[in-house]
Amino acid sequence: MTSSAFETARPDSVTYLDRIAATDLGRSYKARMLDELGLQTGHTVLDLGCGPGTDLRALAEAVTPAGSVIGVDHDPAMVDAARARTAGLPVVDVRPGDIHDLALPGHFADRARTDRVLQHVADPRAALAEIRRVLRPGGRLVMGEPDWETLAVDHPDGELTRAYTRHVAERVVRNAAIGRQLARLATDAGFTVPEVVPVTPVFRDVQAADRILGLERTTRRAVAAGYFTDEAAESWLGHLTRGPFLATVTFYVVVAEA
């Protein structure tokens, strides 16, 4: 089931997040999110689920030394990495915290962002309500999330593709359809939603796709979970390596205003 086209060892979380940020897709959608935030000199901006601090420098440059940037993450390793990367930026404060229960006063921040965070949280509704609480009236939240139920990988046997996507949506990602749900959930939390921007990357190279999707590792998990037989997995992966290869998934950038 293993081919030299695929990674067999899972990268650590920091490496994986850095890898996505360095892709054309990562640079493109992050730039769009930054633009949609509309940051100004003196703003206070929250990066909720900041990871290893990938975006904190860009936020700091946008608000200038007159503003402030607060990065929050629940993972101590991410907090340590983000602090190390922003040690020379006095405008940035990185804190451990829970997006469902932020240790911040109400109406505190001008802007907030979440980048591929809500797909993993225990309660997206509670998280959105908490973000709404800490944003000032007129504040803005910009969210970026994939909709994993839209994942499509071309294969002559469509049933294998559907089995793979079902496994990702049902077993791999906690809130797999969050991308399409963001506008509704944000509205329910008291936001208005002026803009929803779909971004659909197209992967034509199997190795590039594997570095994001973990195709072989995910297929092995699908076999263990009963979505594929060993024989079906061999057929699935074999065709992907022989090509031509094509995969897509829709990513949503959603702007919400308090």
C-alpha atoms as a PDB file:
ATOM      1  CA  MET A   1       0.000   0.000   0.000  1.00  0.00           C
ATOM      2  CA  THR A   2       3.045   2.271   0.297  1.00  0.00           C
ATOM      3  CA  SER A   3       4.638   4.140  -2.626  1.00  0.00           C
ATOM      4  CA  SER A   4       7.596   6.496  -2.804  1.00  0.00           C
ATOM      5  CA  ALA A   5       5.076   9.101  -3.978  1.00  0.00           C
ATOM      6  CA  PHE A   6       3.630   9.308  -0.475  1.00  0.00           C
ATOM      7  CA  GLU A   7       4.912  10.373   2.925  1.00  0.00           C
ATOM      8  CA  THR A   8       4.644   7.584   5.459  1.00  0.00           C
ATOM      9  CA  ALA A   9       5.676   9.512   8.572  1.00  0.00           C
ATOM     10  CA  ARG A  10       3.293  12.170   9.826  1.00  0.00           C
ATOM     11  CA  PRO A  11       5.009  15.562  10.145  1.00  0.00           C
ATOM     12  CA  ASP A  12       4.863  17.272  13.525  1.00  0.00           C
ATOM     13  CA  SER A  13       2.202  19.949  13.890  1.00  0.00           C
ATOM     14  CA  VAL A  14       4.528  22.948  13.590  1.00  0.00           C
ATOM     15  CA  THR A  15       6.151  21.564  10.437  1.00  0.00           C
ATOM     16  CA  TYR A  16       2.746  20.815   8.909  1.00  0.00           C
ATOM     17  CA  LEU A  17       1.373  24.300   9.586  1.00  0.00           C
ATOM     18  CA  ASP A  18       4.523  25.926   8.228  1.00  0.00           C
ATOM     19  CA  ARG A  19       4.252  23.719   5.143  1.00  0.00           C
ATOM     20  CA  ILE A  20       0.706  24.865   4.374  1.00  0.00           C
ATOM     21  CA  ALA A  21       1.617  28.517   4.917  1.00  0.00           C
ATOM     22  CA  ALA A  22       4.451  28.207   2.388  1.00  0.00           C
ATOM     23  CA  THR A  23       2.228  26.889  -0.422  1.00  0.00           C
ATOM     24  CA  ASP A  24       0.710  29.124  -3.091  1.00  0.00           C
ATOM     25  CA  LEU A  25      -2.696  28.314  -1.593  1.00  0.00           C
ATOM     26  CA  GLY A  26      -1.563  29.254   1.910  1.00  0.00           C
ATOM     27  CA  ARG A  27      -0.021  32.542   0.838  1.00  0.00           C
ATOM     28  CA  SER A  28      -3.067  33.408  -1.262  1.00  0.00           C
ATOM     29  CA  TYR A  29      -5.838  32.785   1.240  1.00  0.00           C
ATOM     30  CA  LYS A  30      -3.865  34.251   4.157  1.00  0.00           C
ATOM     31  CA  ALA A  31      -3.327  37.440   2.173  1.00  0.00           C
ATOM     32  CA  ARG A  32      -7.064  37.559   1.450  1.00  0.00           C
ATOM     33  CA  MET A  33      -7.878  37.092   5.137  1.00  0.00           C
ATOM     34  CA  LEU A  34      -5.459  39.870   6.103  1.00  0.00           C
ATOM     35  CA  ASP A  35      -7.003  42.187   3.553  1.00  0.00           C
ATOM     36  CA  GLU A  36     -10.534  41.408   4.761  1.00  0.00           C
ATOM     37  CA  LEU A  37      -9.567  42.213   8.357  1.00  0.00           C
ATOM     38  CA  GLY A  38      -9.066  45.851   7.350  1.00  0.00           C
ATOM     39  CA  LEU A  39      -6.492  46.445  10.074  1.00  0.00           C
ATOM     40  CA  GLN A  40      -5.612  50.012  10.995  1.00  0.00           C
ATOM     41  CA  THR A  41      -2.958  51.687  13.098  1.00  0.00           C
ATOM     42  CA  GLY A  42      -3.769  51.229  16.772  1.00  0.00           C
ATOM     43  CA  HIS A  43      -6.137  48.290  16.388  1.00  0.00           C
ATOM     44  CA  THR A  44      -6.193  45.442  18.886  1.00  0.00           C
ATOM     45  CA  VAL A  45      -6.384  42.169  16.954  1.00  0.00           C
ATOM     46  CA  LEU A  46      -6.787  38.599  18.207  1.00  0.00           C
ATOM     47  CA  ASP A  47      -5.302  35.591  16.411  1.00  0.00           C
ATOM     48  CA  LEU A  48      -7.314  32.765  17.954  1.00  0.00           C
ATOM     49  CA  GLY A  49      -5.626  29.430  17.464  1.00  0.00           C
ATOM     50  CA  CYS A  50      -2.438  31.213  16.430  1.00  0.00           C
ATOM     51  CA  GLY A  51      -0.411  28.007  16.146  1.00  0.00           C
ATOM     52  CA  PRO A  52       3.336  28.590  15.901  1.00  0.00           C
ATOM     53  CA  GLY A  53       2.813  32.287  15.185  1.00  0.00           C
ATOM     54  CA  THR A  54       2.788  32.059  11.410  1.00  0.00           C
ATOM     55  CA  ASP A  55       0.648  35.169  10.927  1.00  0.00           C
ATOM     56  CA  LEU A  56       1.509  37.250  13.982  1.00  0.00           C
ATOM     57  CA  ARG A  57       4.252  39.293  12.323  1.00  0.00           C
ATOM     58  CA  ALA A  58       1.986  40.361   9.456  1.00  0.00           C
ATOM     59  CA  LEU A  59      -0.695  41.388  11.948  1.00  0.00           C
ATOM     60  CA  ALA A  60       1.849  43.333  14.005  1.00  0.00           C
ATOM     61  CA  GLU A  61       3.094  45.198  10.948  1.00  0.00           C
ATOM     62  CA  ALA A  62      -0.478  46.147  10.031  1.00  0.00           C
ATOM     63  CA  VAL A  63      -1.447  47.581  13.438  1.00  0.00           C
ATOM     64  CA  THR A  64       2.000  49.235  13.949  1.00  0.00           C
ATOM     65  CA  PRO A  65       3.530  49.780  17.407  1.00  0.00           C
ATOM     66  CA  ALA A  66       0.455  51.821  18.326  1.00  0.00           C
ATOM     67  CA  GLY A  67      -1.687  48.670  18.244  1.00  0.00           C
ATOM     68  CA  SER A  68      -1.550  45.256  19.839  1.00  0.00           C
ATOM     69  CA  VAL A  69      -1.698  41.667  18.672  1.00  0.00           C
ATOM     70  CA  ILE A  70      -2.754  38.853  20.999  1.00  0.00           C
ATOM     71  CA  GLY A  71      -2.163  35.292  19.897  1.00  0.00           C
ATOM     72  CA  VAL A  72      -4.053  32.559  21.758  1.00  0.00           C
ATOM     73  CA  ASP A  73      -3.556  28.811  21.469  1.00  0.00           C
ATOM     74  CA  HIS A  74      -4.504  25.855  23.662  1.00  0.00           C
ATOM     75  CA  ASP A  75      -1.356  23.856  22.785  1.00  0.00           C
ATOM     76  CA  PRO A  76       1.672  24.696  24.986  1.00  0.00           C
ATOM     77  CA  ALA A  77       4.074  23.671  22.205  1.00  0.00           C
ATOM     78  CA  MET A  78       2.427  26.123  19.833  1.00  0.00           C
ATOM     79  CA  VAL A  79       2.512  28.889  22.414  1.00  0.00           C
ATOM     80  CA  ASP A  80       6.234  28.286  22.973  1.00  0.00           C
ATOM     81  CA  ALA A  81       6.941  28.305  19.224  1.00  0.00           C
ATOM     82  CA  ALA A  82       4.907  31.475  18.663  1.00  0.00           C
ATOM     83  CA  ARG A  83       6.606  33.248  21.537  1.00  0.00           C
ATOM     84  CA  ALA A  84      10.037  32.326  20.200  1.00  0.00           C
ATOM     85  CA  ARG A  85       9.170  33.574  16.716  1.00  0.00           C
ATOM     86  CA  THR A  86       7.802  36.899  17.944  1.00  0.00           C
ATOM     87  CA  ALA A  87      10.330  37.589  20.703  1.00  0.00           C
ATOM     88  CA  GLY A  88      11.471  40.762  18.933  1.00  0.00           C
ATOM     89  CA  LEU A  89       7.970  42.122  18.454  1.00  0.00           C
ATOM     90  CA  PRO A  90       6.874  43.941  21.627  1.00  0.00           C
ATOM     91  CA  VAL A  91       3.437  44.591  20.132  1.00  0.00           C
ATOM     92  CA  VAL A  92       2.719  40.818  20.171  1.00  0.00           C
ATOM     93  CA  ASP A  93       1.523  38.930  23.257  1.00  0.00           C
ATOM     94  CA  VAL A  94       1.111  35.172  22.955  1.00  0.00           C
ATOM     95  CA  ARG A  95      -0.992  33.437  25.598  1.00  0.00           C
ATOM     96  CA  PRO A  96      -2.291  29.953  26.341  1.00  0.00           C
ATOM     97  CA  GLY A  97      -6.072  29.893  26.271  1.00  0.00           C
ATOM     98  CA  ASP A  98      -9.337  28.263  25.292  1.00  0.00           C
ATOM     99  CA  ILE A  99     -11.300  29.771  22.412  1.00  0.00           C
ATOM    100  CA  HIS A 100     -14.520  28.739  24.184  1.00  0.00           C
ATOM    101  CA  ASP A 101     -13.610  30.763  27.280  1.00  0.00           C
ATOM    102  CA  LEU A 102     -11.219  33.622  26.537  1.00  0.00           C
ATOM    103  CA  ALA A 103      -9.628  35.330  29.509  1.00  0.00           C
ATOM    104  CA  LEU A 104     -10.421  38.736  28.033  1.00  0.00           C
ATOM    105  CA  PRO A 105     -12.926  41.449  28.950  1.00  0.00           C
ATOM    106  CA  GLY A 106     -15.999  42.109  26.850  1.00  0.00           C
ATOM    107  CA  HIS A 107     -15.785  44.535  23.916  1.00  0.00           C
ATOM    108  CA  PHE A 108     -11.986  44.360  24.102  1.00  0.00           C
ATOM    109  CA  ALA A 109     -10.759  43.817  20.537  1.00  0.00           C
ATOM    110  CA  ASP A 110     -11.263  45.552  17.197  1.00  0.00           C
ATOM    111  CA  ARG A 111     -10.521  42.524  15.040  1.00  0.00           C
ATOM    112  CA  ALA A 112     -10.211  38.742  15.351  1.00  0.00           C
ATOM    113  CA  ARG A 113      -9.247  35.923  13.042  1.00  0.00           C
ATOM    114  CA  THR A 114      -9.456  32.133  13.081  1.00  0.00           C
ATOM    115  CA  ASP A 115      -7.553  30.145  10.482  1.00  0.00           C
ATOM    116  CA  ARG A 116      -8.516  26.441  10.142  1.00  0.00           C
ATOM    117  CA  VAL A 117      -9.321  26.355  13.849  1.00  0.00           C
ATOM    118  CA  LEU A 118     -13.091  25.916  14.092  1.00  0.00           C
ATOM    119  CA  GLN A 119     -12.957  22.609  12.196  1.00  0.00           C
ATOM    120  CA  HIS A 120     -11.227  21.169  15.267  1.00  0.00           C
ATOM    121  CA  VAL A 121     -12.938  22.796  18.270  1.00  0.00           C
ATOM    122  CA  ALA A 122     -15.394  20.995  20.529  1.00  0.00           C
ATOM    123  CA  ASP A 123     -18.199  23.557  20.135  1.00  0.00           C
ATOM    124  CA  PRO A 124     -18.038  26.031  17.233  1.00  0.00           C
ATOM    125  CA  ARG A 125     -21.230  27.773  18.394  1.00  0.00           C
ATOM    126  CA  ALA A 126     -19.786  28.467  21.833  1.00  0.00           C
ATOM    127  CA  ALA A 127     -16.511  29.643  20.293  1.00  0.00           C
ATOM    128  CA  LEU A 128     -18.298  32.096  18.015  1.00  0.00           C
ATOM    129  CA  ALA A 129     -20.404  33.418  20.890  1.00  0.00           C
ATOM    130  CA  GLU A 130     -17.233  34.002  22.909  1.00  0.00           C
ATOM    131  CA  ILE A 131     -15.556  35.832  20.033  1.00  0.00           C
ATOM    132  CA  ARG A 132     -18.668  37.970  19.653  1.00  0.00           C
ATOM    133  CA  ARG A 133     -18.442  38.827  23.362  1.00  0.00           C
ATOM    134  CA  VAL A 134     -14.861  40.099  23.200  1.00  0.00           C
ATOM    135  CA  LEU A 135     -15.243  42.126  19.992  1.00  0.00           C
ATOM    136  CA  ARG A 136     -16.192  45.767  20.184  1.00  0.00           C
ATOM    137  CA  PRO A 137     -19.381  46.914  18.438  1.00  0.00           C
ATOM    138  CA  GLY A 138     -18.470  47.241  14.789  1.00  0.00           C
ATOM    139  CA  GLY A 139     -15.565  44.828  15.241  1.00  0.00           C
ATOM    140  CA  ARG A 140     -14.767  42.277  12.584  1.00  0.00           C
ATOM    141  CA  LEU A 141     -14.031  38.558  12.606  1.00  0.00           C
ATOM    142  CA  VAL A 142     -12.461  36.861   9.583  1.00  0.00           C
ATOM    143  CA  MET A 143     -12.542  33.071   9.459  1.00  0.00           C
ATOM    144  CA  GLY A 144     -10.977  30.603   7.053  1.00  0.00           C
ATOM    145  CA  GLU A 145     -12.147  26.978   6.992  1.00  0.00           C
ATOM    146  CA  PRO A 146     -12.258  24.084   4.518  1.00  0.00           C
ATOM    147  CA  ASP A 147     -15.381  22.064   3.842  1.00  0.00           C
ATOM    148  CA  TRP A 148     -14.028  18.529   3.822  1.00  0.00           C
ATOM    149  CA  GLU A 149     -17.265  17.077   2.468  1.00  0.00           C
ATOM    150  CA  THR A 150     -16.381  18.825  -0.816  1.00  0.00           C
ATOM    151  CA  LEU A 151     -13.100  16.927  -1.107  1.00  0.00           C
ATOM    152  CA  ALA A 152     -12.992  15.313  -4.552  1.00  0.00           C
ATOM    153  CA  VAL A 153     -10.212  13.114  -5.883  1.00  0.00           C
ATOM    154  CA  ASP A 154     -10.470  11.866  -9.451  1.00  0.00           C
ATOM    155  CA  HIS A 155     -10.421   8.072  -9.763  1.00  0.00           C
ATOM    156  CA  PRO A 156     -12.005   5.663 -12.266  1.00  0.00           C
ATOM    157  CA  ASP A 157     -13.915   4.054  -9.385  1.00  0.00           C
ATOM    158  CA  GLY A 158     -16.091   6.812  -7.945  1.00  0.00           C
ATOM    159  CA  GLU A 159     -17.129   4.642  -5.021  1.00  0.00           C
ATOM    160  CA  LEU A 160     -13.548   4.628  -3.755  1.00  0.00           C
ATOM    161  CA  THR A 161     -13.430   8.424  -3.909  1.00  0.00           C
ATOM    162  CA  ARG A 162     -16.699   8.667  -2.010  1.00  0.00           C
ATOM    163  CA  ALA A 163     -15.446   6.198   0.603  1.00  0.00           C
ATOM    164  CA  TYR A 164     -12.255   8.234   1.073  1.00  0.00           C
ATOM    165  CA  THR A 165     -14.157  11.507   1.446  1.00  0.00           C
ATOM    166  CA  ARG A 166     -16.657   9.935   3.871  1.00  0.00           C
ATOM    167  CA  HIS A 167     -13.800   8.683   6.011  1.00  0.00           C
ATOM    168  CA  VAL A 168     -12.177  12.133   6.145  1.00  0.00           C
ATOM    169  CA  ALA A 169     -15.494  13.811   6.953  1.00  0.00           C
ATOM    170  CA  GLU A 170     -16.699  11.244   9.485  1.00  0.00           C
ATOM    171  CA  ARG A 171     -13.517  10.105  11.214  1.00  0.00           C
ATOM    172  CA  VAL A 172     -10.604  12.467  10.579  1.00  0.00           C
ATOM    173  CA  VAL A 173     -11.981  16.008  11.023  1.00  0.00           C
ATOM    174  CA  ARG A 174     -14.267  16.840  13.944  1.00  0.00           C
ATOM    175  CA  ASN A 175     -16.332  19.549  12.209  1.00  0.00           C
ATOM    176  CA  ALA A 176     -15.832  18.556   8.601  1.00  0.00           C
ATOM    177  CA  ALA A 177     -18.601  20.703   7.048  1.00  0.00           C
ATOM    178  CA  ILE A 178     -17.760  23.841   9.040  1.00  0.00           C
ATOM    179  CA  GLY A 179     -16.794  25.790   5.910  1.00  0.00           C
ATOM    180  CA  ARG A 180     -20.327  25.887   4.537  1.00  0.00           C
ATOM    181  CA  GLN A 181     -21.789  26.362   8.026  1.00  0.00           C
ATOM    182  CA  LEU A 182     -19.761  29.412   9.045  1.00  0.00           C
ATOM    183  CA  ALA A 183     -22.112  32.087   7.734  1.00  0.00           C
ATOM    184  CA  ARG A 184     -25.140  30.531   9.446  1.00  0.00           C
ATOM    185  CA  LEU A 185     -23.358  29.872  12.738  1.00  0.00           C
ATOM    186  CA  ALA A 186     -21.911  33.377  12.832  1.00  0.00           C
ATOM    187  CA  THR A 187     -25.359  34.856  12.207  1.00  0.00           C
ATOM    188  CA  ASP A 188     -26.785  32.729  15.005  1.00  0.00           C
ATOM    189  CA  ALA A 189     -24.069  34.121  17.303  1.00  0.00           C
ATOM    190  CA  GLY A 190     -25.182  37.700  16.628  1.00  0.00           C
ATOM    191  CA  PHE A 191     -22.856  38.661  13.778  1.00  0.00           C
ATOM    192  CA  THR A 192     -23.816  40.032  10.410  1.00  0.00           C
ATOM    193  CA  VAL A 193     -22.047  38.323   7.505  1.00  0.00           C
ATOM    194  CA  PRO A 194     -21.370  40.689   4.597  1.00  0.00           C
ATOM    195  CA  GLU A 195     -19.083  38.403   2.611  1.00  0.00           C
ATOM    196  CA  VAL A 196     -18.390  34.732   1.930  1.00  0.00           C
ATOM    197  CA  VAL A 197     -15.481  33.978  -0.394  1.00  0.00           C
ATOM    198  CA  PRO A 198     -15.041  30.411  -1.727  1.00  0.00           C
ATOM    199  CA  VAL A 199     -11.496  29.375  -2.619  1.00  0.00           C
ATOM    200  CA  THR A 200     -11.065  26.090  -4.487  1.00  0.00           C
ATOM    201  CA  PRO A 201      -7.483  24.932  -4.959  1.00  0.00           C
ATOM    202  CA  VAL A 202      -6.815  22.350  -7.653  1.00  0.00           C
ATOM    203  CA  PHE A 203      -4.014  19.862  -7.004  1.00  0.00           C
ATOM    204  CA  ARG A 204      -2.485  18.363 -10.143  1.00  0.00           C
ATOM    205  CA  ASP A 205       0.613  16.841  -8.550  1.00  0.00           C
ATOM    206  CA  VAL A 206       0.113  13.835  -6.297  1.00  0.00           C
ATOM    207  CA  GLN A 207       3.136  14.555  -4.121  1.00  0.00           C
ATOM    208  CA  ALA A 208       2.115  18.172  -3.557  1.00  0.00           C
ATOM    209  CA  ALA A 209      -1.391  16.999  -2.638  1.00  0.00           C
ATOM    210  CA  ASP A 210      -0.011  14.310  -0.344  1.00  0.00           C
ATOM    211  CA  ARG A 211       1.994  16.877   1.623  1.00  0.00           C
ATOM    212  CA  ILE A 212      -1.306  18.558   2.505  1.00  0.00           C
ATOM    213  CA  LEU A 213      -3.755  15.646   2.531  1.00  0.00           C
ATOM    214  CA  GLY A 214      -1.603  12.745   3.752  1.00  0.00           C
ATOM    215  CA  LEU A 215      -3.147  10.450   1.161  1.00  0.00           C
ATOM    216  CA  GLU A 216      -1.410   7.197   2.036  1.00  0.00           C
ATOM    217  CA  ARG A 217      -1.590   7.683   5.809  1.00  0.00           C
ATOM    218  CA  THR A 218      -5.277   8.604   5.618  1.00  0.00           C
ATOM    219  CA  THR A 219      -5.981   5.587   3.407  1.00  0.00           C
ATOM    220  CA  ARG A 220      -4.369   3.281   5.973  1.00  0.00           C
ATOM    221  CA  ARG A 221      -6.639   4.771   8.637  1.00  0.00           C
ATOM    222  CA  ALA A 222      -9.625   4.261   6.329  1.00  0.00           C
ATOM    223  CA  VAL A 223      -8.751   0.572   5.990  1.00  0.00           C
ATOM    224  CA  ALA A 224      -8.514   0.209   9.771  1.00  0.00           C
ATOM    225  CA  ALA A 225     -11.889   1.948  10.139  1.00  0.00           C
ATOM    226  CA  GLY A 226     -13.583  -0.302   7.579  1.00  0.00           C
ATOM    227  CA  TYR A 227     -14.062   2.216   4.764  1.00  0.00           C
ATOM    228  CA  PHE A 228     -11.654   0.384   2.432  1.00  0.00           C
ATOM    229  CA  THR A 229     -10.565  -3.210   2.056  1.00  0.00           C
ATOM    230  CA  ASP A 230      -6.846  -3.782   1.616  1.00  0.00           C
ATOM    231  CA  GLU A 231      -7.490  -4.621  -2.035  1.00  0.00           C
ATOM    232  CA  ALA A 232      -9.516  -1.448  -2.588  1.00  0.00           C
ATOM    233  CA  ALA A 233      -6.828   0.641  -0.910  1.00  0.00           C
ATOM    234  CA  GLU A 234      -4.187  -0.819  -3.231  1.00  0.00           C
ATOM    235  CA  SER A 235      -6.355   0.023  -6.246  1.00  0.00           C
ATOM    236  CA  TRP A 236      -7.043   3.532  -4.938  1.00  0.00           C
ATOM    237  CA  LEU A 237      -3.447   4.452  -4.189  1.00  0.00           C
ATOM    238  CA  GLY A 238      -2.057   2.693  -7.232  1.00  0.00           C
ATOM    239  CA  HIS A 239      -4.094   4.789  -9.625  1.00  0.00           C
ATOM    240  CA  LEU A 240      -3.242   8.002  -7.782  1.00  0.00           C
ATOM    241  CA  THR A 241       0.460   7.375  -8.330  1.00  0.00           C
ATOM    242  CA  ARG A 242       0.039   6.499 -12.004  1.00  0.00           C
ATOM    243  CA  GLY A 243      -1.983   9.612 -12.749  1.00  0.00           C
ATOM    244  CA  PRO A 244      -3.033  11.885 -14.183  1.00  0.00           C
ATOM    245  CA  PHE A 245      -3.897  13.247 -10.748  1.00  0.00           C
ATOM    246  CA  LEU A 246      -6.532  15.800  -9.775  1.00  0.00           C
ATOM    247  CA  ALA A 247      -8.002  16.715  -6.398  1.00  0.00           C
ATOM    248  CA  THR A 248      -9.978  19.701  -5.134  1.00  0.00           C
ATOM    249  CA  VAL A 249     -11.535  20.924  -1.896  1.00  0.00           C
ATOM    250  CA  THR A 250     -13.443  24.144  -1.225  1.00  0.00           C
ATOM    251  CA  PHE A 251     -12.106  26.558   1.390  1.00  0.00           C
ATOM    252  CA  TYR A 252     -14.237  29.430   2.659  1.00  0.00           C
ATOM    253  CA  VAL A 253     -13.132  32.862   3.865  1.00  0.00           C
ATOM    254  CA  VAL A 254     -16.026  34.367   5.831  1.00  0.00           C
ATOM    255  CA  VAL A 255     -16.250  37.945   7.095  1.00  0.00           C
ATOM    256  CA  ALA A 256     -18.470  38.552  10.147  1.00  0.00           C
ATOM    257  CA  GLU A 257     -19.170  41.890  11.807  1.00  0.00           C
ATOM    258  CA  ALA A 258     -20.209  42.470  15.424  1.00  0.00           C
END
